[in-house]
Amino acid sequence: MNFKALVASLVLTTTAIPAMAEPTYERHDEAQDHIELLNTLADMGVDVQINNPQICSKERGTAGFWVGARKLFVLCQESIRKSAKPLYTGEVFQASDDDLDTIRHEAHHVIQDCMDGRIDGELSAYLNPENSVEFLEYYPDWKEEYIIKQYRDMGASNHVIEMEIEAWAVADMVSVDTIHEVLKRECEV
């Protein structure tokens, strides 16, 4: 799916996400903020793929992912993933809350990739250990435990689990505007 189709679809989104992500949204312009974040990624030379049938159908059930070595940012929309018979045709649908959350989550992985000064697939924590402990005090324990279990069951390393906890927490608790600002600063856009 091409990036411009996603942009058109996100413009149609009528719900938005507040600075601290909650299930109920208040700002209509939040979809536009996500579009701007995706535009910045594209301007960085990132290949933004939405509902690409060759990618999403192989990664069934995956909301999205970042492949730094290929500069590939993928979003597989919720409306297709959760259908009885998921079929990716490349069509973009109105963005759901989960889609916007996935954009923020994967964008944070891009930030983590930039922390060593280059985009190469090697992720490093954005938060230093002290800031991380303080930040995660506000993140529900049950969510952190869920992430740990999910990734341990997949055989992920402690480093990968640490990167995922940080990205999930940032996507849940940090505004898209702040993520965008950090992306531009850390990735020197």
C-alpha atoms as a PDB file:
ATOM      1  CA  MET A   1       0.000   0.000   0.000  1.00  0.00           C
ATOM      2  CA  ASN A   2       1.370   3.329  -0.825  1.00  0.00           C
ATOM      3  CA  PHE A   3       2.010   6.024   1.716  1.00  0.00           C
ATOM      4  CA  LYS A   4      -0.221   8.654   0.073  1.00  0.00           C
ATOM      5  CA  ALA A   5      -3.270   6.377   0.431  1.00  0.00           C
ATOM      6  CA  LEU A   6      -2.622   6.105   4.161  1.00  0.00           C
ATOM      7  CA  VAL A   7      -2.374   9.870   4.437  1.00  0.00           C
ATOM      8  CA  ALA A   8      -5.735  10.233   2.717  1.00  0.00           C
ATOM      9  CA  SER A   9      -7.245   7.605   4.994  1.00  0.00           C
ATOM     10  CA  LEU A  10      -5.858   9.135   8.190  1.00  0.00           C
ATOM     11  CA  VAL A  11      -7.290  12.517   7.231  1.00  0.00           C
ATOM     12  CA  LEU A  12     -10.710  10.889   7.407  1.00  0.00           C
ATOM     13  CA  THR A  13     -10.144   9.751  10.983  1.00  0.00           C
ATOM     14  CA  THR A  14     -12.594  11.505  13.263  1.00  0.00           C
ATOM     15  CA  THR A  15     -11.166  10.430  16.584  1.00  0.00           C
ATOM     16  CA  ALA A  16      -7.942  11.597  18.126  1.00  0.00           C
ATOM     17  CA  ILE A  17      -5.560  10.800  20.923  1.00  0.00           C
ATOM     18  CA  PRO A  18      -4.788  13.108  23.855  1.00  0.00           C
ATOM     19  CA  ALA A  19      -1.232  13.675  25.118  1.00  0.00           C
ATOM     20  CA  MET A  20      -1.605  10.792  27.563  1.00  0.00           C
ATOM     21  CA  ALA A  21      -3.145   8.072  25.408  1.00  0.00           C
ATOM     22  CA  GLU A  22      -6.553   7.005  26.680  1.00  0.00           C
ATOM     23  CA  PRO A  23      -9.354   5.013  25.090  1.00  0.00           C
ATOM     24  CA  THR A  24     -11.443   8.178  24.661  1.00  0.00           C
ATOM     25  CA  TYR A  25     -10.121  10.832  22.323  1.00  0.00           C
ATOM     26  CA  GLU A  26     -10.584  14.549  22.393  1.00  0.00           C
ATOM     27  CA  ARG A  27      -8.414  16.128  19.674  1.00  0.00           C
ATOM     28  CA  HIS A  28      -9.532  15.831  16.055  1.00  0.00           C
ATOM     29  CA  ASP A  29      -6.147  16.998  14.760  1.00  0.00           C
ATOM     30  CA  GLU A  30      -4.374  13.979  16.259  1.00  0.00           C
ATOM     31  CA  ALA A  31      -4.708  12.068  12.981  1.00  0.00           C
ATOM     32  CA  GLN A  32      -2.982  14.954  11.207  1.00  0.00           C
ATOM     33  CA  ASP A  33      -0.184  14.779  13.797  1.00  0.00           C
ATOM     34  CA  HIS A  34       0.333  11.097  12.931  1.00  0.00           C
ATOM     35  CA  ILE A  35       0.361  11.941   9.214  1.00  0.00           C
ATOM     36  CA  GLU A  36       3.065  14.520   9.861  1.00  0.00           C
ATOM     37  CA  LEU A  37       5.080  11.931  11.799  1.00  0.00           C
ATOM     38  CA  LEU A  38       4.792   9.484   8.876  1.00  0.00           C
ATOM     39  CA  ASN A  39       5.774  12.259   6.447  1.00  0.00           C
ATOM     40  CA  THR A  40       8.890  12.941   8.509  1.00  0.00           C
ATOM     41  CA  LEU A  41       9.779   9.246   8.422  1.00  0.00           C
ATOM     42  CA  ALA A  42       9.341   9.220   4.633  1.00  0.00           C
ATOM     43  CA  ASP A  43      11.487  12.375   4.360  1.00  0.00           C
ATOM     44  CA  MET A  44      14.198  10.499   6.305  1.00  0.00           C
ATOM     45  CA  GLY A  45      14.272   7.900   3.542  1.00  0.00           C
ATOM     46  CA  VAL A  46      12.190   5.389   5.481  1.00  0.00           C
ATOM     47  CA  ASP A  47      10.059   3.073   3.351  1.00  0.00           C
ATOM     48  CA  VAL A  48       6.610   3.457   4.963  1.00  0.00           C
ATOM     49  CA  GLN A  49       4.393   0.507   4.001  1.00  0.00           C
ATOM     50  CA  ILE A  50       0.727   0.287   4.942  1.00  0.00           C
ATOM     51  CA  ASN A  51      -1.237  -2.941   4.405  1.00  0.00           C
ATOM     52  CA  ASN A  52       1.301  -4.186   1.885  1.00  0.00           C
ATOM     53  CA  PRO A  53      -0.040  -7.642   0.957  1.00  0.00           C
ATOM     54  CA  GLN A  54       3.445  -9.122   0.513  1.00  0.00           C
ATOM     55  CA  ILE A  55       4.470  -7.978   4.000  1.00  0.00           C
ATOM     56  CA  CYS A  56       1.335  -8.005   6.160  1.00  0.00           C
ATOM     57  CA  SER A  57      -0.040 -11.357   4.974  1.00  0.00           C
ATOM     58  CA  LYS A  58       3.291 -13.022   5.844  1.00  0.00           C
ATOM     59  CA  GLU A  59       3.315 -11.406   9.294  1.00  0.00           C
ATOM     60  CA  ARG A  60      -0.282 -12.374  10.177  1.00  0.00           C
ATOM     61  CA  GLY A  61      -1.557 -10.783  13.360  1.00  0.00           C
ATOM     62  CA  THR A  62       1.257  -8.225  13.511  1.00  0.00           C
ATOM     63  CA  ALA A  63       0.155  -4.618  13.977  1.00  0.00           C
ATOM     64  CA  GLY A  64       3.400  -3.248  12.650  1.00  0.00           C
ATOM     65  CA  PHE A  65       7.150  -3.414  12.855  1.00  0.00           C
ATOM     66  CA  TRP A  66      10.391  -1.586  12.195  1.00  0.00           C
ATOM     67  CA  VAL A  67      13.324  -3.102  10.292  1.00  0.00           C
ATOM     68  CA  GLY A  68      16.134  -0.611  10.751  1.00  0.00           C
ATOM     69  CA  ALA A  69      18.641  -2.375   8.514  1.00  0.00           C
ATOM     70  CA  ARG A  70      16.176  -1.894   5.632  1.00  0.00           C
ATOM     71  CA  LYS A  71      14.680   1.408   6.856  1.00  0.00           C
ATOM     72  CA  LEU A  72      11.280  -0.298   6.624  1.00  0.00           C
ATOM     73  CA  PHE A  73       8.303   0.927   8.689  1.00  0.00           C
ATOM     74  CA  VAL A  74       5.244  -1.320   8.400  1.00  0.00           C
ATOM     75  CA  LEU A  75       1.653  -0.829   9.560  1.00  0.00           C
ATOM     76  CA  CYS A  76      -0.880  -3.649   9.136  1.00  0.00           C
ATOM     77  CA  GLN A  77      -4.210  -2.091  10.044  1.00  0.00           C
ATOM     78  CA  GLU A  78      -6.415  -3.408  12.822  1.00  0.00           C
ATOM     79  CA  SER A  79      -9.572  -3.615  10.700  1.00  0.00           C
ATOM     80  CA  ILE A  80      -7.929  -6.263   8.512  1.00  0.00           C
ATOM     81  CA  ARG A  81      -6.001  -8.108  11.248  1.00  0.00           C
ATOM     82  CA  LYS A  82      -9.135  -8.610  13.309  1.00  0.00           C
ATOM     83  CA  SER A  83     -11.404  -9.694  10.476  1.00  0.00           C
ATOM     84  CA  ALA A  84     -12.530 -13.336  10.251  1.00  0.00           C
ATOM     85  CA  LYS A  85     -10.601 -13.801   7.001  1.00  0.00           C
ATOM     86  CA  PRO A  86      -7.808 -11.209   6.865  1.00  0.00           C
ATOM     87  CA  LEU A  87      -6.971 -10.338   3.287  1.00  0.00           C
ATOM     88  CA  TYR A  88      -4.436  -7.617   2.587  1.00  0.00           C
ATOM     89  CA  THR A  89      -5.070  -5.974  -0.751  1.00  0.00           C
ATOM     90  CA  GLY A  90      -3.083  -2.813  -0.129  1.00  0.00           C
ATOM     91  CA  GLU A  91      -6.213  -0.786   0.540  1.00  0.00           C
ATOM     92  CA  VAL A  92      -5.960   1.635   3.467  1.00  0.00           C
ATOM     93  CA  PHE A  93      -8.828   1.986   5.922  1.00  0.00           C
ATOM     94  CA  GLN A  94      -9.754   4.701   8.364  1.00  0.00           C
ATOM     95  CA  ALA A  95      -7.155   4.565  11.114  1.00  0.00           C
ATOM     96  CA  SER A  96      -8.253   2.983  14.381  1.00  0.00           C
ATOM     97  CA  ASP A  97      -6.979   3.878  17.823  1.00  0.00           C
ATOM     98  CA  ASP A  98      -4.780   0.774  17.618  1.00  0.00           C
ATOM     99  CA  ASP A  99      -3.337   1.890  14.267  1.00  0.00           C
ATOM    100  CA  LEU A 100      -2.359   5.274  15.712  1.00  0.00           C
ATOM    101  CA  ASP A 101      -0.869   3.574  18.773  1.00  0.00           C
ATOM    102  CA  THR A 102       1.161   1.305  16.489  1.00  0.00           C
ATOM    103  CA  ILE A 103       2.494   4.310  14.565  1.00  0.00           C
ATOM    104  CA  ARG A 104       3.702   5.890  17.836  1.00  0.00           C
ATOM    105  CA  HIS A 105       5.171   2.578  19.059  1.00  0.00           C
ATOM    106  CA  GLU A 106       7.102   1.860  15.857  1.00  0.00           C
ATOM    107  CA  ALA A 107       8.234   5.496  15.583  1.00  0.00           C
ATOM    108  CA  HIS A 108       9.776   5.100  19.036  1.00  0.00           C
ATOM    109  CA  HIS A 109      11.698   2.082  17.729  1.00  0.00           C
ATOM    110  CA  VAL A 110      13.080   4.389  15.011  1.00  0.00           C
ATOM    111  CA  ILE A 111      14.206   6.771  17.780  1.00  0.00           C
ATOM    112  CA  GLN A 112      15.830   3.850  19.607  1.00  0.00           C
ATOM    113  CA  ASP A 113      17.599   2.958  16.353  1.00  0.00           C
ATOM    114  CA  CYS A 114      18.975   6.500  16.019  1.00  0.00           C
ATOM    115  CA  MET A 115      20.459   6.527  19.528  1.00  0.00           C
ATOM    116  CA  ASP A 116      23.832   5.192  18.324  1.00  0.00           C
ATOM    117  CA  GLY A 117      24.032   7.873  15.626  1.00  0.00           C
ATOM    118  CA  ARG A 118      22.883   5.750  12.721  1.00  0.00           C
ATOM    119  CA  ILE A 119      19.889   3.760  11.523  1.00  0.00           C
ATOM    120  CA  ASP A 120      21.141   0.214  11.308  1.00  0.00           C
ATOM    121  CA  GLY A 121      18.701  -1.956  13.233  1.00  0.00           C
ATOM    122  CA  GLU A 122      20.647  -1.758  16.500  1.00  0.00           C
ATOM    123  CA  LEU A 123      18.229  -0.396  19.101  1.00  0.00           C
ATOM    124  CA  SER A 124      19.372   1.417  22.233  1.00  0.00           C
ATOM    125  CA  ALA A 125      17.227   2.712  25.067  1.00  0.00           C
ATOM    126  CA  TYR A 126      16.177   6.322  24.669  1.00  0.00           C
ATOM    127  CA  LEU A 127      15.642   6.733  28.409  1.00  0.00           C
ATOM    128  CA  ASN A 128      18.644   6.480  30.676  1.00  0.00           C
ATOM    129  CA  PRO A 129      18.275   3.921  33.516  1.00  0.00           C
ATOM    130  CA  GLU A 130      17.219   6.511  36.134  1.00  0.00           C
ATOM    131  CA  ASN A 131      14.675   8.159  33.835  1.00  0.00           C
ATOM    132  CA  SER A 132      13.369   4.770  32.763  1.00  0.00           C
ATOM    133  CA  VAL A 133      12.669   3.667  36.336  1.00  0.00           C
ATOM    134  CA  GLU A 134      10.904   6.952  37.090  1.00  0.00           C
ATOM    135  CA  PHE A 135       8.943   6.894  33.802  1.00  0.00           C
ATOM    136  CA  LEU A 136       7.833   3.279  34.230  1.00  0.00           C
ATOM    137  CA  GLU A 137       6.508   4.009  37.736  1.00  0.00           C
ATOM    138  CA  TYR A 138       3.529   5.515  35.890  1.00  0.00           C
ATOM    139  CA  TYR A 139       3.094   2.508  33.608  1.00  0.00           C
ATOM    140  CA  PRO A 140       0.745  -0.207  34.894  1.00  0.00           C
ATOM    141  CA  ASP A 141       2.581  -3.252  36.247  1.00  0.00           C
ATOM    142  CA  TRP A 142       0.178  -5.629  34.536  1.00  0.00           C
ATOM    143  CA  LYS A 143       1.053  -4.159  31.115  1.00  0.00           C
ATOM    144  CA  GLU A 144       4.769  -4.487  31.765  1.00  0.00           C
ATOM    145  CA  GLU A 145       4.281  -8.085  32.942  1.00  0.00           C
ATOM    146  CA  TYR A 146       2.204  -8.841  29.825  1.00  0.00           C
ATOM    147  CA  ILE A 147       4.952  -7.486  27.548  1.00  0.00           C
ATOM    148  CA  ILE A 148       7.631  -9.468  29.367  1.00  0.00           C
ATOM    149  CA  LYS A 149       5.622 -12.693  29.117  1.00  0.00           C
ATOM    150  CA  GLN A 150       4.691 -12.158  25.480  1.00  0.00           C
ATOM    151  CA  TYR A 151       8.275 -11.551  24.372  1.00  0.00           C
ATOM    152  CA  ARG A 152       9.817 -14.198  26.639  1.00  0.00           C
ATOM    153  CA  ASP A 153       7.412 -16.736  25.125  1.00  0.00           C
ATOM    154  CA  MET A 154       8.785 -15.752  21.703  1.00  0.00           C
ATOM    155  CA  GLY A 155      12.355 -16.278  22.958  1.00  0.00           C
ATOM    156  CA  ALA A 156      13.304 -12.595  22.924  1.00  0.00           C
ATOM    157  CA  SER A 157      16.445 -11.443  24.682  1.00  0.00           C
ATOM    158  CA  ASN A 158      16.349  -9.213  27.761  1.00  0.00           C
ATOM    159  CA  HIS A 159      17.531  -6.336  25.549  1.00  0.00           C
ATOM    160  CA  VAL A 160      14.627  -6.789  23.119  1.00  0.00           C
ATOM    161  CA  ILE A 161      12.187  -6.970  26.038  1.00  0.00           C
ATOM    162  CA  GLU A 162      13.630  -3.750  27.470  1.00  0.00           C
ATOM    163  CA  MET A 163      13.245  -2.001  24.080  1.00  0.00           C
ATOM    164  CA  GLU A 164       9.653  -3.239  23.753  1.00  0.00           C
ATOM    165  CA  ILE A 165       8.647  -2.139  27.249  1.00  0.00           C
ATOM    166  CA  GLU A 166      10.030   1.325  26.557  1.00  0.00           C
ATOM    167  CA  ALA A 167       8.275   1.552  23.158  1.00  0.00           C
ATOM    168  CA  TRP A 168       4.935   0.293  24.511  1.00  0.00           C
ATOM    169  CA  ALA A 169       5.068   2.699  27.453  1.00  0.00           C
ATOM    170  CA  VAL A 170       6.030   5.648  25.255  1.00  0.00           C
ATOM    171  CA  ALA A 171       3.222   4.860  22.793  1.00  0.00           C
ATOM    172  CA  ASP A 172       0.748   4.647  25.696  1.00  0.00           C
ATOM    173  CA  MET A 173       1.881   7.674  27.689  1.00  0.00           C
ATOM    174  CA  VAL A 174       3.590  10.180  25.364  1.00  0.00           C
ATOM    175  CA  SER A 175       1.900  12.408  22.804  1.00  0.00           C
ATOM    176  CA  VAL A 176       2.553  11.986  19.107  1.00  0.00           C
ATOM    177  CA  ASP A 177       3.821  15.577  19.043  1.00  0.00           C
ATOM    178  CA  THR A 178       6.505  14.770  21.603  1.00  0.00           C
ATOM    179  CA  ILE A 179       7.491  11.561  19.803  1.00  0.00           C
ATOM    180  CA  HIS A 180       7.737  13.546  16.567  1.00  0.00           C
ATOM    181  CA  GLU A 181       9.889  16.214  18.221  1.00  0.00           C
ATOM    182  CA  VAL A 182      12.249  13.591  19.703  1.00  0.00           C
ATOM    183  CA  LEU A 183      12.439  11.754  16.359  1.00  0.00           C
ATOM    184  CA  LYS A 184      13.479  14.954  14.560  1.00  0.00           C
ATOM    185  CA  ARG A 185      16.072  15.756  17.229  1.00  0.00           C
ATOM    186  CA  GLU A 186      17.586  12.284  17.715  1.00  0.00           C
ATOM    187  CA  CYS A 187      17.525  11.281  14.063  1.00  0.00           C
ATOM    188  CA  GLU A 188      18.693  14.728  12.936  1.00  0.00           C
ATOM    189  CA  VAL A 189      15.839  15.313  10.533  1.00  0.00           C
END
